[in-house]
C-alpha atoms as a PDB file:
ATOM      1  CA  UNK A   1       3.632  15.911   3.788  1.00  0.00           C
ATOM      2  CA  UNK A   2       4.829  15.060   0.307  1.00  0.00           C
ATOM      3  CA  UNK A   3       7.694  13.081   1.818  1.00  0.00           C
ATOM      4  CA  UNK A   4       5.244  10.882   3.724  1.00  0.00           C
ATOM      5  CA  UNK A   5       3.125  10.372   0.634  1.00  0.00           C
ATOM      6  CA  UNK A   6       6.224   9.483  -1.389  1.00  0.00           C
ATOM      7  CA  UNK A   7       7.319   7.002   1.274  1.00  0.00           C
ATOM      8  CA  UNK A   8       3.861   5.417   1.230  1.00  0.00           C
ATOM      9  CA  UNK A   9       4.014   5.101  -2.559  1.00  0.00           C
ATOM     10  CA  UNK A  10       7.367   3.373  -2.283  1.00  0.00           C
ATOM     11  CA  UNK A  11       6.044   0.976   0.368  1.00  0.00           C
ATOM     12  CA  UNK A  12       3.118   0.143  -1.907  1.00  0.00           C
ATOM     13  CA  UNK A  13       5.594  -1.370  -4.352  1.00  0.00           C
ATOM     14  CA  UNK A  14       6.365  -4.211  -1.932  1.00  0.00           C
ATOM     15  CA  UNK A  15       3.157  -6.223  -2.574  1.00  0.00           C
ATOM     16  CA  UNK A  16       3.537  -5.518  -6.307  1.00  0.00           C
ATOM     17  CA  UNK A  17       7.050  -6.951  -6.359  1.00  0.00           C
ATOM     18  CA  UNK A  18       5.888  -9.915  -4.249  1.00  0.00           C
ATOM     19  CA  UNK A  19       3.125 -10.664  -6.741  1.00  0.00           C
ATOM     20  CA  UNK A  20       5.558 -10.397  -9.652  1.00  0.00           C
ATOM     21  CA  UNK A  21       7.937 -12.822  -7.924  1.00  0.00           C
ATOM     22  CA  UNK A  22       5.205 -15.423  -7.438  1.00  0.00           C
ATOM     23  CA  UNK A  23       3.846 -15.052 -10.988  1.00  0.00           C
ATOM     24  CA  UNK A  24       7.227 -15.307 -12.708  1.00  0.00           C
ATOM     25  CA  UNK A  25       8.104 -18.375 -10.613  1.00  0.00           C
ATOM     26  CA  UNK A  26       4.874 -20.150 -11.567  1.00  0.00           C
ATOM     27  CA  UNK A  27       5.080 -19.197 -15.256  1.00  0.00           C
ATOM     28  CA  UNK A  28       8.667 -20.425 -15.592  1.00  0.00           C
ATOM     29  CA  UNK A  29       7.708 -23.813 -14.109  1.00  0.00           C
ATOM     30  CA  UNK A  30       4.797 -24.110 -16.519  1.00  0.00           C
ATOM     31  CA  UNK A  31       7.066 -23.781 -19.559  1.00  0.00           C
ATOM     32  CA  UNK A  32       7.794 -27.087 -21.300  1.00  0.00           C
ATOM     33  CA  UNK A  33      11.321 -28.390 -20.978  1.00  0.00           C
ATOM     34  CA  UNK A  34      13.454 -29.495 -18.059  1.00  0.00           C
ATOM     35  CA  UNK A  35      16.653 -27.496 -17.374  1.00  0.00           C
ATOM     36  CA  UNK A  36      18.403 -30.695 -16.247  1.00  0.00           C
ATOM     37  CA  UNK A  37      17.594 -32.463 -19.517  1.00  0.00           C
ATOM     38  CA  UNK A  38      18.748 -29.418 -21.493  1.00  0.00           C
ATOM     39  CA  UNK A  39      22.028 -29.205 -19.593  1.00  0.00           C
ATOM     40  CA  UNK A  40      22.852 -32.918 -19.739  1.00  0.00           C
ATOM     41  CA  UNK A  41      21.239 -33.701 -23.074  1.00  0.00           C
ATOM     42  CA  UNK A  42      18.635 -36.322 -23.876  1.00  0.00           C
ATOM     43  CA  UNK A  43      20.858 -38.801 -25.682  1.00  0.00           C
ATOM     44  CA  UNK A  44      20.630 -41.480 -23.010  1.00  0.00           C
ATOM     45  CA  UNK A  45      24.379 -41.401 -22.347  1.00  0.00           C
ATOM     46  CA  UNK A  46      23.828 -39.917 -18.872  1.00  0.00           C
ATOM     47  CA  UNK A  47      22.938 -42.159 -15.968  1.00  0.00           C
ATOM     48  CA  UNK A  48      19.944 -41.549 -13.746  1.00  0.00           C
ATOM     49  CA  UNK A  49      22.288 -41.045 -10.792  1.00  0.00           C
ATOM     50  CA  UNK A  50      23.928 -38.105 -12.555  1.00  0.00           C
ATOM     51  CA  UNK A  51      20.543 -36.617 -13.392  1.00  0.00           C
ATOM     52  CA  UNK A  52      19.388 -36.930  -9.769  1.00  0.00           C
ATOM     53  CA  UNK A  53      22.630 -35.441  -8.481  1.00  0.00           C
ATOM     54  CA  UNK A  54      22.382 -32.404 -10.769  1.00  0.00           C
ATOM     55  CA  UNK A  55      18.720 -31.920  -9.897  1.00  0.00           C
ATOM     56  CA  UNK A  56      19.667 -32.021  -6.223  1.00  0.00           C
ATOM     57  CA  UNK A  57      22.516 -29.547  -6.727  1.00  0.00           C
ATOM     58  CA  UNK A  58      20.115 -27.127  -8.422  1.00  0.00           C
ATOM     59  CA  UNK A  59      17.514 -27.573  -5.650  1.00  0.00           C
ATOM     60  CA  UNK A  60      14.998 -28.790  -8.219  1.00  0.00           C
ATOM     61  CA  UNK A  61      14.249 -31.954  -6.265  1.00  0.00           C
ATOM     62  CA  UNK A  62      12.358 -30.052  -3.580  1.00  0.00           C
ATOM     63  CA  UNK A  63       8.581 -29.360  -3.655  1.00  0.00           C
ATOM     64  CA  UNK A  64       7.535 -26.383  -5.766  1.00  0.00           C
ATOM     65  CA  UNK A  65       6.056 -24.564  -2.778  1.00  0.00           C
ATOM     66  CA  UNK A  66       9.351 -24.833  -0.914  1.00  0.00           C
ATOM     67  CA  UNK A  67      11.268 -23.616  -3.977  1.00  0.00           C
ATOM     68  CA  UNK A  68       8.918 -20.647  -4.357  1.00  0.00           C
ATOM     69  CA  UNK A  69       9.139 -19.624  -0.701  1.00  0.00           C
ATOM     70  CA  UNK A  70      12.920 -19.840  -0.841  1.00  0.00           C
ATOM     71  CA  UNK A  71      13.081 -17.785  -4.044  1.00  0.00           C
ATOM     72  CA  UNK A  72      10.824 -15.038  -2.665  1.00  0.00           C
ATOM     73  CA  UNK A  73      12.747 -14.887   0.609  1.00  0.00           C
ATOM     74  CA  UNK A  74      16.110 -14.718  -1.170  1.00  0.00           C
ATOM     75  CA  UNK A  75      14.844 -12.134  -3.674  1.00  0.00           C
ATOM     76  CA  UNK A  76      13.736  -9.901  -0.802  1.00  0.00           C
ATOM     77  CA  UNK A  77      17.408  -9.803   0.261  1.00  0.00           C
ATOM     78  CA  UNK A  78      18.611  -9.119  -3.267  1.00  0.00           C
ATOM     79  CA  UNK A  79      19.784 -12.688  -3.823  1.00  0.00           C
ATOM     80  CA  UNK A  80      18.385 -14.122  -7.070  1.00  0.00           C
ATOM     81  CA  UNK A  81      20.312 -17.379  -6.839  1.00  0.00           C
ATOM     82  CA  UNK A  82      22.927 -18.888  -9.121  1.00  0.00           C
ATOM     83  CA  UNK A  83      22.634 -19.362 -12.856  1.00  0.00           C
ATOM     84  CA  UNK A  84      22.064 -22.982 -13.877  1.00  0.00           C
ATOM     85  CA  UNK A  85      24.046 -22.640 -17.105  1.00  0.00           C
ATOM     86  CA  UNK A  86      26.901 -20.335 -16.096  1.00  0.00           C
ATOM     87  CA  UNK A  87      27.126 -21.213 -12.400  1.00  0.00           C
ATOM     88  CA  UNK A  88      27.512 -17.553 -11.477  1.00  0.00           C
ATOM     89  CA  UNK A  89      25.447 -15.396  -9.101  1.00  0.00           C
ATOM     90  CA  UNK A  90      22.517 -13.938 -11.025  1.00  0.00           C
ATOM     91  CA  UNK A  91      22.885 -10.590  -9.295  1.00  0.00           C
ATOM     92  CA  UNK A  92      26.440 -10.225 -10.604  1.00  0.00           C
ATOM     93  CA  UNK A  93      25.320 -11.168 -14.114  1.00  0.00           C
ATOM     94  CA  UNK A  94      22.536  -8.571 -14.018  1.00  0.00           C
ATOM     95  CA  UNK A  95      24.903  -5.871 -12.768  1.00  0.00           C
ATOM     96  CA  UNK A  96      27.329  -6.645 -15.588  1.00  0.00           C
ATOM     97  CA  UNK A  97      24.643  -6.611 -18.313  1.00  0.00           C
ATOM     98  CA  UNK A  98      22.548  -3.724 -16.973  1.00  0.00           C
ATOM     99  CA  UNK A  99      24.786  -0.817 -18.130  1.00  0.00           C
ATOM    100  CA  UNK A 100      24.573  -1.914 -21.771  1.00  0.00           C
ATOM    101  CA  UNK A 101      20.786  -2.153 -21.619  1.00  0.00           C
ATOM    102  CA  UNK A 102      20.347   1.148 -19.774  1.00  0.00           C
ATOM    103  CA  UNK A 103      22.713   2.927 -22.160  1.00  0.00           C
ATOM    104  CA  UNK A 104      20.791   1.655 -25.173  1.00  0.00           C
ATOM    105  CA  UNK A 105      17.387   2.498 -23.655  1.00  0.00           C
ATOM    106  CA  UNK A 106      18.439   6.015 -22.649  1.00  0.00           C
ATOM    107  CA  UNK A 107      19.960   6.663 -26.077  1.00  0.00           C
ATOM    108  CA  UNK A 108      16.733   5.465 -27.732  1.00  0.00           C
ATOM    109  CA  UNK A 109      14.698   7.717 -25.426  1.00  0.00           C
ATOM    110  CA  UNK A 110      16.842  10.785 -26.164  1.00  0.00           C
ATOM    111  CA  UNK A 111      16.684  10.182 -29.923  1.00  0.00           C
ATOM    112  CA  UNK A 112      12.928   9.635 -29.800  1.00  0.00           C
ATOM    113  CA  UNK A 113      12.228  12.772 -27.761  1.00  0.00           C
ATOM    114  CA  UNK A 114      14.528  15.019 -29.795  1.00  0.00           C
ATOM    115  CA  UNK A 115      12.670  14.039 -32.957  1.00  0.00           C
ATOM    116  CA  UNK A 116       9.129  13.357 -31.710  1.00  0.00           C
ATOM    117  CA  UNK A 117       8.493  16.472 -29.602  1.00  0.00           C
ATOM    118  CA  UNK A 118       9.279  19.050 -32.324  1.00  0.00           C
ATOM    119  CA  UNK A 119       7.385  16.990 -34.900  1.00  0.00           C
ATOM    120  CA  UNK A 120       4.344  16.735 -32.628  1.00  0.00           C
ATOM    121  CA  UNK A 121       4.358  20.453 -31.866  1.00  0.00           C
ATOM    122  CA  UNK A 122       4.831  21.518 -35.496  1.00  0.00           C
ATOM    123  CA  UNK A 123       2.123  19.100 -36.656  1.00  0.00           C
ATOM    124  CA  UNK A 124      -0.305  20.676 -34.196  1.00  0.00           C
ATOM    125  CA  UNK A 125       0.629  24.238 -35.145  1.00  0.00           C
ATOM    126  CA  UNK A 126       0.388  23.500 -38.877  1.00  0.00           C
ATOM    127  CA  UNK A 127      -2.372  20.925 -38.693  1.00  0.00           C
ATOM    128  CA  UNK A 128      -3.861  19.642 -41.946  1.00  0.00           C
ATOM    129  CA  UNK A 129      -0.805  20.908 -43.836  1.00  0.00           C
ATOM    130  CA  UNK A 130       1.580  18.758 -45.866  1.00  0.00           C
ATOM    131  CA  UNK A 131       3.959  18.742 -42.886  1.00  0.00           C
ATOM    132  CA  UNK A 132       1.234  17.401 -40.606  1.00  0.00           C
ATOM    133  CA  UNK A 133       0.218  14.681 -43.066  1.00  0.00           C
ATOM    134  CA  UNK A 134       3.824  13.666 -43.703  1.00  0.00           C
ATOM    135  CA  UNK A 135       4.695  13.554 -39.992  1.00  0.00           C
ATOM    136  CA  UNK A 136       1.630  11.572 -38.967  1.00  0.00           C
ATOM    137  CA  UNK A 137       2.095   9.193 -41.887  1.00  0.00           C
ATOM    138  CA  UNK A 138       5.657   8.584 -40.758  1.00  0.00           C
ATOM    139  CA  UNK A 139       4.437   8.060 -37.191  1.00  0.00           C
ATOM    140  CA  UNK A 140       1.913   5.503 -38.418  1.00  0.00           C
ATOM    141  CA  UNK A 141       4.697   3.621 -40.199  1.00  0.00           C
ATOM    142  CA  UNK A 142       6.859   3.768 -37.072  1.00  0.00           C
ATOM    143  CA  UNK A 143       4.133   2.142 -35.002  1.00  0.00           C
ATOM    144  CA  UNK A 144       3.298  -0.460 -37.650  1.00  0.00           C
ATOM    145  CA  UNK A 145       6.778  -1.746 -38.556  1.00  0.00           C
ATOM    146  CA  UNK A 146       7.949  -4.760 -36.518  1.00  0.00           C
ATOM    147  CA  UNK A 147      11.162  -4.074 -34.618  1.00  0.00           C
ATOM    148  CA  UNK A 148      12.972  -7.174 -35.854  1.00  0.00           C
ATOM    149  CA  UNK A 149      12.220  -6.315 -39.507  1.00  0.00           C
ATOM    150  CA  UNK A 150      13.263  -2.697 -39.069  1.00  0.00           C
ATOM    151  CA  UNK A 151      16.503  -3.767 -37.389  1.00  0.00           C
ATOM    152  CA  UNK A 152      17.391  -6.234 -40.132  1.00  0.00           C
ATOM    153  CA  UNK A 153      16.590  -3.704 -42.875  1.00  0.00           C
ATOM    154  CA  UNK A 154      18.701  -1.069 -41.118  1.00  0.00           C
ATOM    155  CA  UNK A 155      21.659  -3.451 -40.914  1.00  0.00           C
ATOM    156  CA  UNK A 156      21.362  -4.475 -44.566  1.00  0.00           C
ATOM    157  CA  UNK A 157      21.064  -0.919 -45.879  1.00  0.00           C
ATOM    158  CA  UNK A 158      23.178   1.239 -43.549  1.00  0.00           C
ATOM    159  CA  UNK A 159      25.760  -1.315 -42.416  1.00  0.00           C
ATOM    160  CA  UNK A 160      26.212  -3.833 -45.232  1.00  0.00           C
ATOM    161  CA  UNK A 161      25.553  -1.695 -48.325  1.00  0.00           C
ATOM    162  CA  UNK A 162      26.599   1.773 -47.225  1.00  0.00           C
ATOM    163  CA  UNK A 163      29.055   0.766 -44.499  1.00  0.00           C
ATOM    164  CA  UNK A 164      28.136   3.736 -42.321  1.00  0.00           C
ATOM    165  CA  UNK A 165      27.576   1.825 -39.083  1.00  0.00           C
ATOM    166  CA  UNK A 166      28.811  -1.472 -37.567  1.00  0.00           C
ATOM    167  CA  UNK A 167      26.525  -4.482 -37.682  1.00  0.00           C
ATOM    168  CA  UNK A 168      26.798  -5.558 -34.049  1.00  0.00           C
ATOM    169  CA  UNK A 169      28.460  -5.023 -30.677  1.00  0.00           C
ATOM    170  CA  UNK A 170      29.045  -2.004 -28.451  1.00  0.00           C
ATOM    171  CA  UNK A 171      32.580  -1.136 -29.510  1.00  0.00           C
ATOM    172  CA  UNK A 172      35.072  -2.327 -32.103  1.00  0.00           C
ATOM    173  CA  UNK A 173      37.578  -5.022 -31.187  1.00  0.00           C
ATOM    174  CA  UNK A 174      40.451  -2.780 -32.248  1.00  0.00           C
ATOM    175  CA  UNK A 175      39.402   0.007 -29.845  1.00  0.00           C
ATOM    176  CA  UNK A 176      41.024   0.024 -26.411  1.00  0.00           C
ATOM    177  CA  UNK A 177      38.533   1.278 -23.841  1.00  0.00           C
ATOM    178  CA  UNK A 178      39.223   1.135 -20.114  1.00  0.00           C
ATOM    179  CA  UNK A 179      35.958   0.196 -18.328  1.00  0.00           C
ATOM    180  CA  UNK A 180      35.102   2.444 -15.390  1.00  0.00           C
ATOM    181  CA  UNK A 181      31.342   2.534 -14.954  1.00  0.00           C
ATOM    182  CA  UNK A 182      30.225   0.002 -17.565  1.00  0.00           C
ATOM    183  CA  UNK A 183      28.563   2.785 -19.582  1.00  0.00           C
ATOM    184  CA  UNK A 184      30.833   3.054 -22.591  1.00  0.00           C
ATOM    185  CA  UNK A 185      29.830   6.618 -23.449  1.00  0.00           C
ATOM    186  CA  UNK A 186      30.636   7.767 -19.926  1.00  0.00           C
ATOM    187  CA  UNK A 187      33.823   5.706 -19.785  1.00  0.00           C
ATOM    188  CA  UNK A 188      35.043   7.227 -23.051  1.00  0.00           C
ATOM    189  CA  UNK A 189      34.556  10.740 -21.685  1.00  0.00           C
ATOM    190  CA  UNK A 190      36.071   9.959 -18.279  1.00  0.00           C
ATOM    191  CA  UNK A 191      39.183   8.451 -19.851  1.00  0.00           C
ATOM    192  CA  UNK A 192      39.250  11.142 -22.585  1.00  0.00           C
ATOM    193  CA  UNK A 193      39.379   8.448 -25.221  1.00  0.00           C
ATOM    194  CA  UNK A 194      37.771  10.406 -28.053  1.00  0.00           C
ATOM    195  CA  UNK A 195      38.470   7.723 -30.636  1.00  0.00           C
ATOM    196  CA  UNK A 196      36.554   5.238 -28.493  1.00  0.00           C
ATOM    197  CA  UNK A 197      33.746   7.771 -28.017  1.00  0.00           C
ATOM    198  CA  UNK A 198      33.263   8.076 -31.766  1.00  0.00           C
ATOM    199  CA  UNK A 199      33.312   4.309 -32.211  1.00  0.00           C
ATOM    200  CA  UNK A 200      30.810   3.797 -29.372  1.00  0.00           C
ATOM    201  CA  UNK A 201      28.457   6.371 -30.924  1.00  0.00           C
ATOM    202  CA  UNK A 202      28.659   4.609 -34.286  1.00  0.00           C
ATOM    203  CA  UNK A 203      27.796   1.275 -32.648  1.00  0.00           C
ATOM    204  CA  UNK A 204      24.977   2.889 -30.649  1.00  0.00           C
ATOM    205  CA  UNK A 205      23.331   4.805 -33.508  1.00  0.00           C
ATOM    206  CA  UNK A 206      21.406   2.075 -35.342  1.00  0.00           C
ATOM    207  CA  UNK A 207      20.178   0.075 -32.308  1.00  0.00           C
ATOM    208  CA  UNK A 208      18.987   3.227 -30.533  1.00  0.00           C
ATOM    209  CA  UNK A 209      17.097   4.494 -33.589  1.00  0.00           C
ATOM    210  CA  UNK A 210      15.466   1.115 -34.204  1.00  0.00           C
ATOM    211  CA  UNK A 211      14.566   0.686 -30.538  1.00  0.00           C
ATOM    212  CA  UNK A 212      13.218   4.228 -30.264  1.00  0.00           C
ATOM    213  CA  UNK A 213      11.226   4.170 -33.516  1.00  0.00           C
ATOM    214  CA  UNK A 214       8.012   2.980 -31.899  1.00  0.00           C
ATOM    215  CA  UNK A 215       8.379   5.388 -28.981  1.00  0.00           C
ATOM    216  CA  UNK A 216       9.113   8.197 -31.418  1.00  0.00           C
ATOM    217  CA  UNK A 217       5.891   7.549 -33.317  1.00  0.00           C
ATOM    218  CA  UNK A 218       3.728   7.261 -30.198  1.00  0.00           C
ATOM    219  CA  UNK A 219       5.141  10.399 -28.554  1.00  0.00           C
ATOM    220  CA  UNK A 220       4.721  12.421 -31.759  1.00  0.00           C
ATOM    221  CA  UNK A 221       1.061  11.436 -32.107  1.00  0.00           C
ATOM    222  CA  UNK A 222       0.259  12.043 -28.418  1.00  0.00           C
ATOM    223  CA  UNK A 223       2.066  15.397 -28.410  1.00  0.00           C
ATOM    224  CA  UNK A 224       0.193  16.521 -31.504  1.00  0.00           C
ATOM    225  CA  UNK A 225      -3.170  15.528 -30.048  1.00  0.00           C
ATOM    226  CA  UNK A 226      -2.455  17.286 -26.747  1.00  0.00           C
ATOM    227  CA  UNK A 227      -1.165  20.430 -28.453  1.00  0.00           C
ATOM    228  CA  UNK A 228      -4.253  20.661 -30.682  1.00  0.00           C
ATOM    229  CA  UNK A 229      -6.481  20.659 -27.587  1.00  0.00           C
ATOM    230  CA  UNK A 230      -4.306  23.093 -25.626  1.00  0.00           C
ATOM    231  CA  UNK A 231      -4.071  25.572 -28.508  1.00  0.00           C
ATOM    232  CA  UNK A 232      -7.866  26.008 -28.272  1.00  0.00           C
ATOM    233  CA  UNK A 233      -7.806  26.971 -24.577  1.00  0.00           C
ATOM    234  CA  UNK A 234      -8.670  30.503 -23.480  1.00  0.00           C
ATOM    235  CA  UNK A 235      -5.326  31.228 -21.827  1.00  0.00           C
ATOM    236  CA  UNK A 236      -3.603  30.635 -25.172  1.00  0.00           C
ATOM    237  CA  UNK A 237      -5.957  33.126 -26.809  1.00  0.00           C
ATOM    238  CA  UNK A 238      -5.253  35.577 -23.975  1.00  0.00           C
ATOM    239  CA  UNK A 239      -1.504  35.182 -24.445  1.00  0.00           C
ATOM    240  CA  UNK A 240      -1.866  35.970 -28.122  1.00  0.00           C
ATOM    241  CA  UNK A 241      -4.048  38.982 -27.401  1.00  0.00           C
ATOM    242  CA  UNK A 242      -1.283  40.389 -25.190  1.00  0.00           C
ATOM    243  CA  UNK A 243       0.950  40.594 -28.228  1.00  0.00           C
ATOM    244  CA  UNK A 244       3.205  37.628 -27.488  1.00  0.00           C
ATOM    245  CA  UNK A 245       4.852  36.056 -30.483  1.00  0.00           C
ATOM    246  CA  UNK A 246       3.618  32.745 -31.779  1.00  0.00           C
ATOM    247  CA  UNK A 247       6.851  31.036 -30.766  1.00  0.00           C
ATOM    248  CA  UNK A 248       6.522  32.180 -27.144  1.00  0.00           C
ATOM    249  CA  UNK A 249       2.872  31.164 -26.990  1.00  0.00           C
ATOM    250  CA  UNK A 250       3.539  27.700 -28.366  1.00  0.00           C
ATOM    251  CA  UNK A 251       6.786  26.729 -26.658  1.00  0.00           C
ATOM    252  CA  UNK A 252       6.415  28.505 -23.313  1.00  0.00           C
ATOM    253  CA  UNK A 253       2.687  28.514 -22.572  1.00  0.00           C
ATOM    254  CA  UNK A 254       1.001  25.747 -24.560  1.00  0.00           C
ATOM    255  CA  UNK A 255       3.680  23.063 -24.566  1.00  0.00           C
ATOM    256  CA  UNK A 256       4.048  22.820 -20.782  1.00  0.00           C
ATOM    257  CA  UNK A 257       0.398  21.899 -20.300  1.00  0.00           C
ATOM    258  CA  UNK A 258       0.383  19.649 -23.355  1.00  0.00           C
ATOM    259  CA  UNK A 259       3.300  17.643 -21.973  1.00  0.00           C
ATOM    260  CA  UNK A 260       1.269  15.982 -19.194  1.00  0.00           C
ATOM    261  CA  UNK A 261      -0.138  13.185 -21.423  1.00  0.00           C
ATOM    262  CA  UNK A 262       3.233  12.951 -23.163  1.00  0.00           C
ATOM    263  CA  UNK A 263       5.039  12.424 -19.862  1.00  0.00           C
ATOM    264  CA  UNK A 264       2.689   9.546 -19.093  1.00  0.00           C
ATOM    265  CA  UNK A 265       3.487   7.871 -22.394  1.00  0.00           C
ATOM    266  CA  UNK A 266       7.221   8.489 -22.043  1.00  0.00           C
ATOM    267  CA  UNK A 267       7.265   6.975 -18.546  1.00  0.00           C
ATOM    268  CA  UNK A 268       5.552   3.833 -19.745  1.00  0.00           C
ATOM    269  CA  UNK A 269       7.689   3.623 -22.866  1.00  0.00           C
ATOM    270  CA  UNK A 270      10.935   3.831 -20.884  1.00  0.00           C
ATOM    271  CA  UNK A 271       9.864   0.745 -18.990  1.00  0.00           C
ATOM    272  CA  UNK A 272       8.963  -0.906 -22.270  1.00  0.00           C
ATOM    273  CA  UNK A 273      12.360  -0.046 -23.745  1.00  0.00           C
ATOM    274  CA  UNK A 274      14.192  -1.565 -20.783  1.00  0.00           C
ATOM    275  CA  UNK A 275      12.037  -4.668 -20.671  1.00  0.00           C
ATOM    276  CA  UNK A 276      11.232  -5.131 -24.338  1.00  0.00           C
ATOM    277  CA  UNK A 277      14.626  -4.634 -25.944  1.00  0.00           C
ATOM    278  CA  UNK A 278      15.288  -8.359 -26.280  1.00  0.00           C
ATOM    279  CA  UNK A 279      14.635  -8.356 -30.024  1.00  0.00           C
ATOM    280  CA  UNK A 280      16.852  -5.352 -30.724  1.00  0.00           C
ATOM    281  CA  UNK A 281      19.700  -6.680 -28.584  1.00  0.00           C
ATOM    282  CA  UNK A 282      19.473 -10.056 -30.298  1.00  0.00           C
ATOM    283  CA  UNK A 283      19.381  -8.574 -33.817  1.00  0.00           C
ATOM    284  CA  UNK A 284      22.315  -6.235 -33.198  1.00  0.00           C
ATOM    285  CA  UNK A 285      24.320  -8.600 -30.997  1.00  0.00           C
ATOM    286  CA  UNK A 286      24.102  -6.106 -28.132  1.00  0.00           C
ATOM    287  CA  UNK A 287      25.497  -7.667 -24.918  1.00  0.00           C
ATOM    288  CA  UNK A 288      22.747  -6.505 -22.585  1.00  0.00           C
ATOM    289  CA  UNK A 289      20.077  -7.980 -20.356  1.00  0.00           C
ATOM    290  CA  UNK A 290      17.638  -8.644 -23.182  1.00  0.00           C
ATOM    291  CA  UNK A 291      20.023 -10.912 -25.045  1.00  0.00           C
ATOM    292  CA  UNK A 292      20.983 -12.631 -21.791  1.00  0.00           C
ATOM    293  CA  UNK A 293      17.328 -13.286 -20.940  1.00  0.00           C
ATOM    294  CA  UNK A 294      16.642 -14.755 -24.390  1.00  0.00           C
ATOM    295  CA  UNK A 295      19.517 -17.205 -23.959  1.00  0.00           C
ATOM    296  CA  UNK A 296      18.299 -18.021 -20.435  1.00  0.00           C
ATOM    297  CA  UNK A 297      14.758 -18.738 -21.659  1.00  0.00           C
ATOM    298  CA  UNK A 298      15.995 -21.214 -24.266  1.00  0.00           C
ATOM    299  CA  UNK A 299      18.182 -22.981 -21.700  1.00  0.00           C
ATOM    300  CA  UNK A 300      15.435 -22.839 -19.015  1.00  0.00           C
ATOM    301  CA  UNK A 301      17.809 -20.984 -16.704  1.00  0.00           C
ATOM    302  CA  UNK A 302      15.141 -20.173 -14.132  1.00  0.00           C
ATOM    303  CA  UNK A 303      17.190 -17.943 -11.775  1.00  0.00           C
ATOM    304  CA  UNK A 304      18.381 -15.626 -14.570  1.00  0.00           C
ATOM    305  CA  UNK A 305      14.892 -15.147 -16.031  1.00  0.00           C
ATOM    306  CA  UNK A 306      13.338 -14.654 -12.589  1.00  0.00           C
ATOM    307  CA  UNK A 307      15.948 -12.100 -11.544  1.00  0.00           C
ATOM    308  CA  UNK A 308      15.677 -10.174 -14.813  1.00  0.00           C
ATOM    309  CA  UNK A 309      11.867 -10.037 -14.669  1.00  0.00           C
ATOM    310  CA  UNK A 310      12.052  -8.774 -11.087  1.00  0.00           C
ATOM    311  CA  UNK A 311      14.422  -6.037 -12.204  1.00  0.00           C
ATOM    312  CA  UNK A 312      12.165  -5.146 -15.143  1.00  0.00           C
ATOM    313  CA  UNK A 313       9.157  -4.895 -12.824  1.00  0.00           C
ATOM    314  CA  UNK A 314      11.080  -2.670 -10.427  1.00  0.00           C
ATOM    315  CA  UNK A 315      12.018  -0.440 -13.371  1.00  0.00           C
ATOM    316  CA  UNK A 316       8.353  -0.032 -14.323  1.00  0.00           C
ATOM    317  CA  UNK A 317       7.508   0.932 -10.739  1.00  0.00           C
ATOM    318  CA  UNK A 318      10.262   3.554 -10.643  1.00  0.00           C
ATOM    319  CA  UNK A 319       9.196   4.898 -14.045  1.00  0.00           C
ATOM    320  CA  UNK A 320       5.627   5.377 -12.859  1.00  0.00           C
ATOM    321  CA  UNK A 321       6.831   7.108  -9.695  1.00  0.00           C
ATOM    322  CA  UNK A 322       9.010   9.438 -11.785  1.00  0.00           C
ATOM    323  CA  UNK A 323       5.981  10.231 -13.961  1.00  0.00           C
ATOM    324  CA  UNK A 324       3.978  11.237 -10.886  1.00  0.00           C
ATOM    325  CA  UNK A 325       6.785  13.550  -9.768  1.00  0.00           C
ATOM    326  CA  UNK A 326       6.883  15.127 -13.231  1.00  0.00           C
ATOM    327  CA  UNK A 327       3.138  15.779 -12.966  1.00  0.00           C
ATOM    328  CA  UNK A 328       3.735  17.924  -9.892  1.00  0.00           C
ATOM    329  CA  UNK A 329       6.440  19.903 -11.676  1.00  0.00           C
ATOM    330  CA  UNK A 330       4.313  20.514 -14.761  1.00  0.00           C
ATOM    331  CA  UNK A 331       1.133  21.283 -12.790  1.00  0.00           C
ATOM    332  CA  UNK A 332       1.671  22.248  -9.088  1.00  0.00           C
ATOM    333  CA  UNK A 333      -2.062  21.783  -8.463  1.00  0.00           C
ATOM    334  CA  UNK A 334      -1.579  18.021  -8.703  1.00  0.00           C
ATOM    335  CA  UNK A 335      -0.454  15.886  -5.769  1.00  0.00           C
ATOM    336  CA  UNK A 336       0.872  12.408  -5.204  1.00  0.00           C
END
C-alpha cells in the first residue's frame, strides 16, 4: 500500500515540474537584454546578417510559443539544450558542476546539524539560563547576518589575517587529486590521498560554515521550541517517575518526538542550500552550479539557467518526499 502511495506522490511531481518549466521559460524571456547582443556586442561592428544568422543558430528566431513547447518536450527527455555561451550540452555542464554544489551543501548541512541540535536541546533543558540566552542570541545573529557579508568577513579574518584557510577554490593547485566521482572528499578517500583530503577539508571549511550558518540558527531555534513543548508532555513525566536518568529521558524519549518539526525545517533548508548557494559559491570562488548560474544570468544564457532551475525544483521535490518518509520513521502513526 505504501508503495502505491509513494508512486502516486512521485507521479504528482510531473505537473509541478511542468509548471516550473513554463514559468522559468517565461521569466527568462521577460528579463531585459538580448543574448545575441551580449554575445556579439553592441558596438555596431557586426552586420545584421551575422546577427540574424546567430539568432537562427540559437533558435531564437522562432515564435516564443514554439520555443517553449520545444524546451518542455526536450526537458521531459532530459535534454536541456546547448549553452549559448559555451556551446556545450547543458546536461553535461550540470553533471560536471553538480558534485561541487552537492558536496558543499551536504557539508553545510552536517556542520549545521552537529552544532544546532545539541544547542537546541541544551537550550530547552536549561531554558532561561545563561546558556539558553547565549545560544538563542547567537542564533538570532546567524539568521540576521547576510551571507555575502559573513563570507567576506570570514575570508578577511580567517584566511587573510590568520591564514588558517584558503580564500577560494576546492583544492590547491599544487595538490594532485585523481578525479573519480567528482566529489573531492570521496575521491581523496578512494585514492587514499590523505594529503589531498586534508587540503580539501581546509578549502571546504569556511564555505560550509558560512552556507550553513542560517540553517544552523533556524534548526537550533526550532529544536529548542519543540523540545520545550515535548518536555511538558505526560509521557516525559512518566519516564522520569520510572527512575530513568535525565539524559535518557531527553535524548531517547523527548528528542525523537521533538524532531518532527526539525525534520521539516531541515528538508526545506537542504533545498535552499542547493538552490541558494549562488552567493557563497561566488564569494569563495567555488566552481559549482550556483556560480555557473550567476554567470549564465549575466550572459542571458537561457538554456543553462532553465536547466539549473529545473534541477533545483526537482531537488526541492525530492527533499519534501524524504521529509515525509522521515515522518513515518519518527512517528509510525503517520502515513504518506
